[in-house]
Amino acid sequence: MLSLRQVLAAGACVLVLGSAAALPGHAAEADKAAMNAALLGRYFADVNAHDTTALVDVIADAYVQHGAGQGQGRAGMQAAFERYFAMFPDFHMALEDSVVTDDKVVARFLVTATHDRPVQLGPNAPLFQPTGKKLAWEGISIWRVADGKFVEHWDVDDLLAAAQQMRAQPASDATPHQ
């Protein structure tokens, strides 16, 4: 479910893109950008619904993933999200900002999740025992779009922030997260 802020932001994008479409030669680019903005919205909705099967409408089968920790192809992304949802049953991504063109989508987002299960952020990474803490970390993703789907992806996620929040701290050293 999109927040009011996301709906208003998408509406503003449509207004801006609509006025760009009035310029000669920009109609096709504006149409593609509007479709790509909708694609981004579907991606976030599917992820937040924990519906990896719906990603078939968003991610191309031959999806190229440039970041570590996620497999290649749509199946690799679906498997990665299944792992995230198993580690964090309340995993949620909030879209904070986006830039959308006719063939690229950039999104800055905030991930929130409760650390109530053991978590290992990658191979050879330490295993963090559950703390019950509500975690939050940021990320930025860049997708290339072709034929109405995400076909290529680059990302940076602040997993150091997530790891620091999962560390058990003695009660005297604990400071509230701001």
N, C-alpha and C. Protein backbone atom coordinates (compact mmCIF):
# COMPACT_ATOMS: atom_id res chain seq x y z
N MET A 1 0.85 -1.16 0.00
CA MET A 1 0.00 0.00 0.00
C MET A 1 0.90 1.23 0.00
N LEU A 2 0.71 2.12 -0.95
CA LEU A 2 1.51 3.33 -1.04
C LEU A 2 1.03 4.35 -0.03
N SER A 3 1.97 5.10 0.55
CA SER A 3 1.60 6.15 1.48
C SER A 3 1.08 7.35 0.71
N LEU A 4 0.43 8.24 1.42
CA LEU A 4 -0.09 9.45 0.79
C LEU A 4 1.05 10.23 0.16
N ARG A 5 2.19 10.27 0.85
CA ARG A 5 3.36 10.98 0.32
C ARG A 5 3.81 10.39 -1.02
N GLN A 6 3.82 9.06 -1.11
CA GLN A 6 4.24 8.41 -2.35
C GLN A 6 3.24 8.68 -3.47
N VAL A 7 1.95 8.65 -3.14
CA VAL A 7 0.92 8.92 -4.14
C VAL A 7 1.04 10.35 -4.64
N LEU A 8 1.23 11.30 -3.72
CA LEU A 8 1.38 12.70 -4.11
C LEU A 8 2.64 12.91 -4.95
N ALA A 9 3.73 12.24 -4.56
CA ALA A 9 4.97 12.35 -5.33
C ALA A 9 4.79 11.79 -6.74
N ALA A 10 4.11 10.65 -6.84
CA ALA A 10 3.85 10.06 -8.17
C ALA A 10 2.98 10.99 -9.00
N GLY A 11 1.97 11.60 -8.36
CA GLY A 11 1.11 12.55 -9.07
C GLY A 11 1.88 13.75 -9.57
N ALA A 12 2.80 14.25 -8.73
CA ALA A 12 3.63 15.38 -9.15
C ALA A 12 4.51 15.00 -10.33
N CYS A 13 5.05 13.77 -10.30
CA CYS A 13 5.86 13.30 -11.43
C CYS A 13 5.02 13.26 -12.70
N VAL A 14 3.81 12.78 -12.59
CA VAL A 14 2.94 12.71 -13.76
C VAL A 14 2.67 14.10 -14.30
N LEU A 15 2.43 15.08 -13.41
CA LEU A 15 2.19 16.45 -13.86
C LEU A 15 3.42 17.01 -14.57
N VAL A 16 4.59 16.81 -13.97
CA VAL A 16 5.83 17.31 -14.58
C VAL A 16 6.07 16.60 -15.91
N LEU A 17 5.93 15.29 -15.92
CA LEU A 17 6.16 14.54 -17.14
C LEU A 17 5.12 14.89 -18.19
N GLY A 18 3.91 15.14 -17.76
CA GLY A 18 2.85 15.53 -18.70
C GLY A 18 3.16 16.85 -19.38
N SER A 19 3.71 17.81 -18.63
CA SER A 19 4.04 19.08 -19.26
C SER A 19 5.25 18.92 -20.17
N ALA A 20 6.16 18.02 -19.87
CA ALA A 20 7.29 17.75 -20.76
C ALA A 20 6.81 17.11 -22.05
N ALA A 21 5.73 16.36 -21.97
CA ALA A 21 5.20 15.69 -23.15
C ALA A 21 4.66 16.69 -24.17
N ALA A 22 4.32 17.88 -23.71
CA ALA A 22 3.80 18.89 -24.63
C ALA A 22 4.90 19.45 -25.53
N LEU A 23 6.15 19.25 -25.18
CA LEU A 23 7.25 19.73 -26.00
C LEU A 23 7.50 18.75 -27.13
N PRO A 24 7.80 19.25 -28.32
CA PRO A 24 8.06 18.35 -29.45
C PRO A 24 9.21 17.39 -29.14
N GLY A 25 9.02 16.13 -29.49
CA GLY A 25 10.07 15.13 -29.31
C GLY A 25 10.16 14.55 -27.92
N HIS A 26 9.40 15.07 -26.96
CA HIS A 26 9.49 14.59 -25.59
C HIS A 26 8.33 13.69 -25.18
N ALA A 27 7.34 13.54 -26.01
CA ALA A 27 6.16 12.76 -25.65
C ALA A 27 6.52 11.29 -25.38
N ALA A 28 7.31 10.70 -26.26
CA ALA A 28 7.66 9.29 -26.09
C ALA A 28 8.49 9.07 -24.82
N GLU A 29 9.46 9.97 -24.56
CA GLU A 29 10.28 9.85 -23.36
C GLU A 29 9.43 10.04 -22.11
N ALA A 30 8.50 11.00 -22.15
CA ALA A 30 7.63 11.24 -21.00
C ALA A 30 6.73 10.04 -20.75
N ASP A 31 6.21 9.43 -21.81
CA ASP A 31 5.38 8.23 -21.66
C ASP A 31 6.17 7.09 -21.04
N LYS A 32 7.41 6.88 -21.53
CA LYS A 32 8.25 5.82 -20.97
C LYS A 32 8.58 6.10 -19.51
N ALA A 33 8.89 7.35 -19.19
CA ALA A 33 9.21 7.70 -17.82
C ALA A 33 8.01 7.47 -16.91
N ALA A 34 6.83 7.82 -17.38
CA ALA A 34 5.62 7.58 -16.57
C ALA A 34 5.40 6.09 -16.36
N MET A 35 5.62 5.29 -17.40
CA MET A 35 5.49 3.84 -17.24
C MET A 35 6.54 3.30 -16.28
N ASN A 36 7.76 3.86 -16.33
CA ASN A 36 8.81 3.41 -15.43
C ASN A 36 8.54 3.81 -13.98
N ALA A 37 7.90 4.97 -13.78
CA ALA A 37 7.50 5.38 -12.43
C ALA A 37 6.46 4.39 -11.88
N ALA A 38 5.55 3.98 -12.73
CA ALA A 38 4.54 2.98 -12.32
C ALA A 38 5.21 1.64 -12.03
N LEU A 39 6.22 1.28 -12.82
CA LEU A 39 6.96 0.04 -12.60
C LEU A 39 7.62 0.06 -11.21
N LEU A 40 8.22 1.19 -10.87
CA LEU A 40 8.84 1.33 -9.55
C LEU A 40 7.80 1.17 -8.44
N GLY A 41 6.64 1.78 -8.63
CA GLY A 41 5.57 1.64 -7.64
C GLY A 41 5.13 0.19 -7.47
N ARG A 42 5.02 -0.54 -8.59
CA ARG A 42 4.64 -1.97 -8.52
C ARG A 42 5.72 -2.78 -7.79
N TYR A 43 6.98 -2.48 -8.07
CA TYR A 43 8.09 -3.18 -7.41
C TYR A 43 8.00 -3.01 -5.90
N PHE A 44 7.86 -1.77 -5.43
CA PHE A 44 7.78 -1.53 -3.99
C PHE A 44 6.53 -2.19 -3.40
N ALA A 45 5.42 -2.13 -4.10
CA ALA A 45 4.19 -2.76 -3.61
C ALA A 45 4.35 -4.27 -3.49
N ASP A 46 4.96 -4.90 -4.50
CA ASP A 46 5.17 -6.36 -4.48
C ASP A 46 6.11 -6.76 -3.35
N VAL A 47 7.20 -6.01 -3.19
CA VAL A 47 8.16 -6.32 -2.12
C VAL A 47 7.49 -6.16 -0.76
N ASN A 48 6.77 -5.08 -0.56
CA ASN A 48 6.15 -4.83 0.73
C ASN A 48 4.99 -5.79 1.02
N ALA A 49 4.42 -6.38 -0.02
CA ALA A 49 3.41 -7.42 0.17
C ALA A 49 4.06 -8.79 0.35
N HIS A 50 5.40 -8.83 0.24
CA HIS A 50 6.18 -10.08 0.33
C HIS A 50 5.70 -11.07 -0.73
N ASP A 51 5.34 -10.55 -1.90
CA ASP A 51 4.82 -11.37 -3.00
C ASP A 51 5.89 -11.52 -4.08
N THR A 52 6.78 -12.48 -3.89
CA THR A 52 7.87 -12.65 -4.85
C THR A 52 7.38 -13.19 -6.19
N THR A 53 6.25 -13.87 -6.21
CA THR A 53 5.72 -14.36 -7.50
C THR A 53 5.27 -13.21 -8.38
N ALA A 54 4.79 -12.11 -7.78
CA ALA A 54 4.34 -10.96 -8.56
C ALA A 54 5.51 -10.25 -9.25
N LEU A 55 6.73 -10.51 -8.81
CA LEU A 55 7.89 -9.87 -9.43
C LEU A 55 8.07 -10.30 -10.89
N VAL A 56 7.36 -11.32 -11.32
CA VAL A 56 7.41 -11.74 -12.72
C VAL A 56 6.94 -10.61 -13.64
N ASP A 57 6.09 -9.73 -13.14
CA ASP A 57 5.59 -8.61 -13.94
C ASP A 57 6.51 -7.40 -13.89
N VAL A 58 7.54 -7.46 -13.05
CA VAL A 58 8.39 -6.30 -12.82
C VAL A 58 9.85 -6.55 -13.24
N ILE A 59 10.33 -7.75 -13.01
CA ILE A 59 11.74 -8.09 -13.24
C ILE A 59 11.84 -9.06 -14.40
N ALA A 60 12.72 -8.74 -15.35
CA ALA A 60 12.95 -9.61 -16.51
C ALA A 60 13.58 -10.93 -16.07
N ASP A 61 13.29 -11.97 -16.80
CA ASP A 61 13.83 -13.30 -16.48
C ASP A 61 15.36 -13.29 -16.47
N ALA A 62 15.98 -12.57 -17.41
CA ALA A 62 17.43 -12.54 -17.53
C ALA A 62 18.03 -11.33 -16.80
N TYR A 63 17.41 -10.90 -15.73
CA TYR A 63 17.83 -9.76 -14.90
C TYR A 63 19.31 -9.89 -14.54
N VAL A 64 20.07 -8.82 -14.73
CA VAL A 64 21.50 -8.80 -14.40
C VAL A 64 21.67 -8.01 -13.11
N GLN A 65 22.17 -8.68 -12.09
CA GLN A 65 22.37 -8.08 -10.77
C GLN A 65 23.86 -7.80 -10.59
N HIS A 66 24.21 -6.53 -10.39
CA HIS A 66 25.62 -6.16 -10.23
C HIS A 66 26.06 -6.13 -8.77
N GLY A 67 25.13 -6.15 -7.82
CA GLY A 67 25.47 -6.11 -6.40
C GLY A 67 25.70 -7.51 -5.85
N ALA A 68 26.38 -7.55 -4.73
CA ALA A 68 26.65 -8.83 -4.07
C ALA A 68 25.44 -9.27 -3.25
N GLY A 69 25.34 -10.55 -3.01
CA GLY A 69 24.33 -11.07 -2.10
C GLY A 69 23.00 -11.42 -2.74
N GLN A 70 22.87 -11.19 -4.02
CA GLN A 70 21.63 -11.53 -4.71
C GLN A 70 22.01 -12.32 -5.94
N GLY A 71 21.23 -13.31 -6.23
CA GLY A 71 21.51 -14.14 -7.40
C GLY A 71 21.13 -13.45 -8.69
N GLN A 72 21.51 -14.06 -9.78
CA GLN A 72 21.22 -13.52 -11.11
C GLN A 72 19.83 -13.93 -11.57
N GLY A 73 19.30 -13.16 -12.48
CA GLY A 73 18.00 -13.45 -13.05
C GLY A 73 16.88 -13.16 -12.07
N ARG A 74 15.66 -13.22 -12.59
CA ARG A 74 14.49 -13.00 -11.73
C ARG A 74 14.48 -14.01 -10.59
N ALA A 75 14.79 -15.27 -10.90
CA ALA A 75 14.79 -16.31 -9.88
C ALA A 75 15.77 -15.98 -8.75
N GLY A 76 16.91 -15.41 -9.08
CA GLY A 76 17.88 -15.01 -8.07
C GLY A 76 17.35 -13.92 -7.16
N MET A 77 16.65 -12.95 -7.74
CA MET A 77 16.07 -11.87 -6.93
C MET A 77 14.95 -12.41 -6.06
N GLN A 78 14.12 -13.27 -6.64
CA GLN A 78 13.02 -13.85 -5.85
C GLN A 78 13.59 -14.62 -4.65
N ALA A 79 14.64 -15.41 -4.88
CA ALA A 79 15.27 -16.18 -3.80
C ALA A 79 15.86 -15.24 -2.74
N ALA A 80 16.50 -14.14 -3.19
CA ALA A 80 17.08 -13.18 -2.24
C ALA A 80 15.99 -12.57 -1.36
N PHE A 81 14.87 -12.17 -1.97
CA PHE A 81 13.79 -11.60 -1.16
C PHE A 81 13.19 -12.64 -0.23
N GLU A 82 13.09 -13.89 -0.66
CA GLU A 82 12.58 -14.93 0.23
C GLU A 82 13.48 -15.06 1.47
N ARG A 83 14.80 -14.94 1.27
CA ARG A 83 15.73 -14.99 2.41
C ARG A 83 15.51 -13.79 3.33
N TYR A 84 15.34 -12.59 2.74
CA TYR A 84 15.11 -11.38 3.56
C TYR A 84 13.84 -11.54 4.38
N PHE A 85 12.78 -12.04 3.75
CA PHE A 85 11.50 -12.17 4.45
C PHE A 85 11.57 -13.23 5.55
N ALA A 86 12.40 -14.27 5.35
CA ALA A 86 12.58 -15.29 6.39
C ALA A 86 13.35 -14.71 7.58
N MET A 87 14.36 -13.87 7.30
CA MET A 87 15.12 -13.23 8.38
C MET A 87 14.31 -12.16 9.09
N PHE A 88 13.53 -11.41 8.30
CA PHE A 88 12.78 -10.27 8.82
C PHE A 88 11.32 -10.36 8.34
N PRO A 89 10.46 -11.03 9.07
CA PRO A 89 9.06 -11.19 8.63
C PRO A 89 8.31 -9.87 8.42
N ASP A 90 8.77 -8.79 9.05
CA ASP A 90 8.11 -7.49 8.84
C ASP A 90 8.94 -6.56 7.95
N PHE A 91 9.81 -7.13 7.12
CA PHE A 91 10.65 -6.37 6.19
C PHE A 91 9.78 -5.41 5.39
N HIS A 92 10.18 -4.13 5.36
CA HIS A 92 9.41 -3.11 4.63
C HIS A 92 10.37 -2.10 4.02
N MET A 93 10.10 -1.73 2.78
CA MET A 93 10.90 -0.71 2.09
C MET A 93 10.02 0.52 1.84
N ALA A 94 10.48 1.69 2.28
CA ALA A 94 9.76 2.94 2.05
C ALA A 94 10.54 3.76 1.03
N LEU A 95 9.89 4.11 -0.05
CA LEU A 95 10.52 4.94 -1.08
C LEU A 95 10.67 6.36 -0.55
N GLU A 96 11.90 6.84 -0.49
CA GLU A 96 12.19 8.18 0.02
C GLU A 96 12.32 9.19 -1.11
N ASP A 97 12.87 8.76 -2.25
CA ASP A 97 13.11 9.67 -3.37
C ASP A 97 13.36 8.83 -4.61
N SER A 98 13.06 9.39 -5.77
CA SER A 98 13.33 8.67 -7.01
C SER A 98 13.60 9.64 -8.14
N VAL A 99 14.34 9.14 -9.12
CA VAL A 99 14.59 9.84 -10.37
C VAL A 99 14.25 8.83 -11.46
N VAL A 100 13.37 9.24 -12.37
CA VAL A 100 12.89 8.31 -13.39
C VAL A 100 13.07 8.93 -14.77
N THR A 101 13.68 8.17 -15.68
CA THR A 101 13.81 8.61 -17.07
C THR A 101 13.17 7.56 -17.96
N ASP A 102 13.40 7.69 -19.26
CA ASP A 102 12.80 6.74 -20.19
C ASP A 102 13.45 5.36 -20.15
N ASP A 103 14.68 5.23 -19.59
CA ASP A 103 15.30 3.91 -19.53
C ASP A 103 16.02 3.62 -18.22
N LYS A 104 15.95 4.52 -17.24
CA LYS A 104 16.61 4.31 -15.95
C LYS A 104 15.68 4.75 -14.83
N VAL A 105 15.81 4.05 -13.71
CA VAL A 105 15.09 4.39 -12.48
C VAL A 105 16.09 4.36 -11.34
N VAL A 106 16.12 5.42 -10.56
CA VAL A 106 16.97 5.49 -9.38
C VAL A 106 16.04 5.69 -8.18
N ALA A 107 16.25 4.91 -7.14
CA ALA A 107 15.41 5.02 -5.94
C ALA A 107 16.29 5.05 -4.70
N ARG A 108 15.96 5.98 -3.82
CA ARG A 108 16.56 6.02 -2.48
C ARG A 108 15.46 5.59 -1.53
N PHE A 109 15.77 4.62 -0.66
CA PHE A 109 14.73 4.02 0.17
C PHE A 109 15.23 3.76 1.57
N LEU A 110 14.28 3.52 2.47
CA LEU A 110 14.57 3.17 3.85
C LEU A 110 13.96 1.80 4.11
N VAL A 111 14.77 0.88 4.62
CA VAL A 111 14.30 -0.45 4.99
C VAL A 111 14.11 -0.47 6.50
N THR A 112 12.97 -1.00 6.94
CA THR A 112 12.74 -1.22 8.37
C THR A 112 12.40 -2.69 8.58
N ALA A 113 12.80 -3.20 9.73
CA ALA A 113 12.54 -4.60 10.06
C ALA A 113 12.84 -4.81 11.53
N THR A 114 12.19 -5.79 12.11
CA THR A 114 12.45 -6.14 13.51
C THR A 114 13.42 -7.32 13.55
N HIS A 115 14.43 -7.18 14.39
CA HIS A 115 15.46 -8.21 14.52
C HIS A 115 15.02 -9.24 15.56
N ASP A 116 14.10 -10.13 15.14
CA ASP A 116 13.60 -11.13 16.06
C ASP A 116 13.98 -12.56 15.67
N ARG A 117 14.91 -12.67 14.71
CA ARG A 117 15.43 -13.98 14.29
C ARG A 117 16.93 -13.85 14.07
N PRO A 118 17.67 -14.97 14.11
CA PRO A 118 19.11 -14.89 13.81
C PRO A 118 19.32 -14.36 12.39
N VAL A 119 20.30 -13.49 12.23
CA VAL A 119 20.57 -12.87 10.93
C VAL A 119 22.04 -12.98 10.60
N GLN A 120 22.32 -13.43 9.38
CA GLN A 120 23.67 -13.42 8.83
C GLN A 120 23.59 -12.65 7.53
N LEU A 121 24.27 -11.50 7.47
CA LEU A 121 24.14 -10.59 6.33
C LEU A 121 24.88 -11.06 5.08
N GLY A 122 25.66 -12.10 5.18
CA GLY A 122 26.35 -12.63 4.01
C GLY A 122 27.24 -13.78 4.41
N PRO A 123 27.79 -14.48 3.41
CA PRO A 123 28.71 -15.58 3.74
C PRO A 123 29.90 -15.03 4.51
N ASN A 124 30.37 -15.75 5.48
CA ASN A 124 31.51 -15.36 6.32
C ASN A 124 31.20 -14.18 7.25
N ALA A 125 29.96 -13.67 7.24
CA ALA A 125 29.58 -12.59 8.15
C ALA A 125 29.17 -13.20 9.48
N PRO A 126 29.29 -12.42 10.55
CA PRO A 126 28.88 -12.96 11.85
C PRO A 126 27.37 -13.21 11.88
N LEU A 127 26.97 -14.13 12.75
CA LEU A 127 25.57 -14.43 12.96
C LEU A 127 25.10 -13.56 14.13
N PHE A 128 24.12 -12.71 13.87
CA PHE A 128 23.58 -11.83 14.91
C PHE A 128 22.37 -12.50 15.53
N GLN A 129 22.45 -12.77 16.82
CA GLN A 129 21.33 -13.36 17.54
C GLN A 129 20.24 -12.31 17.72
N PRO A 130 18.99 -12.72 17.79
CA PRO A 130 17.88 -11.76 17.88
C PRO A 130 18.02 -10.81 19.07
N THR A 131 17.73 -9.54 18.81
CA THR A 131 17.77 -8.52 19.86
C THR A 131 16.38 -7.94 20.12
N GLY A 132 15.44 -8.17 19.19
CA GLY A 132 14.12 -7.57 19.31
C GLY A 132 14.07 -6.11 18.89
N LYS A 133 15.21 -5.58 18.45
CA LYS A 133 15.27 -4.17 18.06
C LYS A 133 14.59 -3.93 16.72
N LYS A 134 13.99 -2.76 16.59
CA LYS A 134 13.46 -2.31 15.31
C LYS A 134 14.64 -1.67 14.58
N LEU A 135 14.98 -2.22 13.41
CA LEU A 135 16.13 -1.76 12.63
C LEU A 135 15.68 -0.84 11.51
N ALA A 136 16.59 0.02 11.09
CA ALA A 136 16.35 0.87 9.92
C ALA A 136 17.68 1.11 9.23
N TRP A 137 17.71 0.91 7.90
CA TRP A 137 18.90 1.22 7.12
C TRP A 137 18.48 1.71 5.75
N GLU A 138 19.37 2.46 5.13
CA GLU A 138 19.07 3.08 3.85
C GLU A 138 19.74 2.33 2.70
N GLY A 139 19.21 2.57 1.52
CA GLY A 139 19.79 2.00 0.31
C GLY A 139 19.47 2.86 -0.89
N ILE A 140 20.24 2.66 -1.93
CA ILE A 140 20.00 3.30 -3.22
C ILE A 140 20.13 2.24 -4.30
N SER A 141 19.15 2.20 -5.18
CA SER A 141 19.17 1.25 -6.30
C SER A 141 19.05 2.00 -7.60
N ILE A 142 19.71 1.48 -8.62
CA ILE A 142 19.61 1.98 -9.99
C ILE A 142 19.22 0.80 -10.87
N TRP A 143 18.15 0.97 -11.63
CA TRP A 143 17.72 -0.06 -12.56
C TRP A 143 17.76 0.47 -13.98
N ARG A 144 18.11 -0.40 -14.91
CA ARG A 144 17.91 -0.12 -16.33
C ARG A 144 16.63 -0.84 -16.72
N VAL A 145 15.80 -0.15 -17.51
CA VAL A 145 14.51 -0.68 -17.90
C VAL A 145 14.50 -0.94 -19.41
N ALA A 146 13.95 -2.06 -19.80
CA ALA A 146 13.73 -2.38 -21.22
C ALA A 146 12.47 -3.23 -21.32
N ASP A 147 11.69 -2.97 -22.32
CA ASP A 147 10.46 -3.74 -22.56
C ASP A 147 9.55 -3.80 -21.34
N GLY A 148 9.50 -2.69 -20.59
CA GLY A 148 8.57 -2.59 -19.48
C GLY A 148 8.95 -3.32 -18.21
N LYS A 149 10.22 -3.77 -18.11
CA LYS A 149 10.67 -4.49 -16.91
C LYS A 149 12.07 -4.03 -16.53
N PHE A 150 12.41 -4.25 -15.26
CA PHE A 150 13.78 -4.02 -14.82
C PHE A 150 14.64 -5.13 -15.40
N VAL A 151 15.73 -4.75 -16.09
CA VAL A 151 16.59 -5.75 -16.72
C VAL A 151 18.01 -5.76 -16.14
N GLU A 152 18.38 -4.70 -15.43
CA GLU A 152 19.73 -4.61 -14.89
C GLU A 152 19.66 -3.77 -13.62
N HIS A 153 20.52 -4.09 -12.63
CA HIS A 153 20.41 -3.45 -11.31
C HIS A 153 21.77 -3.26 -10.66
N TRP A 154 21.96 -2.06 -10.09
CA TRP A 154 23.11 -1.73 -9.26
C TRP A 154 22.54 -1.22 -7.95
N ASP A 155 23.20 -1.55 -6.83
CA ASP A 155 22.67 -1.08 -5.56
C ASP A 155 23.75 -0.91 -4.52
N VAL A 156 23.43 -0.07 -3.55
CA VAL A 156 24.27 0.12 -2.37
C VAL A 156 23.30 0.15 -1.19
N ASP A 157 23.51 -0.75 -0.24
CA ASP A 157 22.70 -0.80 0.98
C ASP A 157 23.61 -0.60 2.18
N ASP A 158 23.17 0.17 3.14
CA ASP A 158 23.97 0.47 4.32
C ASP A 158 23.84 -0.67 5.33
N LEU A 159 24.42 -1.82 4.98
CA LEU A 159 24.36 -2.98 5.86
C LEU A 159 25.22 -2.81 7.11
N LEU A 160 26.19 -1.90 7.06
CA LEU A 160 26.97 -1.60 8.26
C LEU A 160 26.04 -1.01 9.32
N ALA A 161 25.14 -0.12 8.91
CA ALA A 161 24.19 0.45 9.87
C ALA A 161 23.30 -0.65 10.45
N ALA A 162 22.86 -1.58 9.60
CA ALA A 162 22.04 -2.69 10.10
C ALA A 162 22.84 -3.53 11.09
N ALA A 163 24.08 -3.85 10.76
CA ALA A 163 24.91 -4.67 11.64
C ALA A 163 25.16 -3.96 12.97
N GLN A 164 25.43 -2.68 12.93
CA GLN A 164 25.68 -1.93 14.17
C GLN A 164 24.44 -1.94 15.06
N GLN A 165 23.27 -1.87 14.47
CA GLN A 165 22.04 -1.89 15.26
C GLN A 165 21.76 -3.27 15.85
N MET A 166 22.26 -4.32 15.21
CA MET A 166 22.01 -5.68 15.70
C MET A 166 23.01 -6.13 16.76
N ARG A 167 24.08 -5.39 16.92
CA ARG A 167 25.06 -5.76 17.95
C ARG A 167 24.42 -5.64 19.32
N ALA A 168 24.65 -6.64 20.13
CA ALA A 168 24.17 -6.57 21.51
C ALA A 168 25.05 -5.58 22.25
N GLN A 169 24.44 -4.67 22.97
CA GLN A 169 25.19 -3.68 23.74
C GLN A 169 24.83 -3.82 25.20
N PRO A 170 25.83 -3.70 26.08
CA PRO A 170 25.51 -3.70 27.51
C PRO A 170 24.55 -2.55 27.81
N ALA A 171 23.66 -2.73 28.75
CA ALA A 171 22.65 -1.73 29.07
C ALA A 171 23.26 -0.37 29.38
N SER A 172 24.43 -0.34 30.02
CA SER A 172 25.06 0.95 30.37
C SER A 172 25.61 1.66 29.14
N ASP A 173 25.94 0.92 28.07
CA ASP A 173 26.48 1.52 26.86
C ASP A 173 25.42 1.80 25.82
N ALA A 174 24.20 1.34 26.04
CA ALA A 174 23.15 1.49 25.03
C ALA A 174 22.75 2.95 24.92
N THR A 175 22.71 3.41 23.69
CA THR A 175 22.22 4.76 23.42
C THR A 175 21.09 4.68 22.44
N PRO A 176 20.09 5.52 22.59
CA PRO A 176 18.95 5.45 21.66
C PRO A 176 19.38 5.82 20.25
N HIS A 177 18.82 5.13 19.28
CA HIS A 177 19.08 5.41 17.85
C HIS A 177 18.26 6.62 17.44
N GLN A 178 18.89 7.54 16.76
CA GLN A 178 18.18 8.74 16.31
C GLN A 178 17.99 8.73 14.84
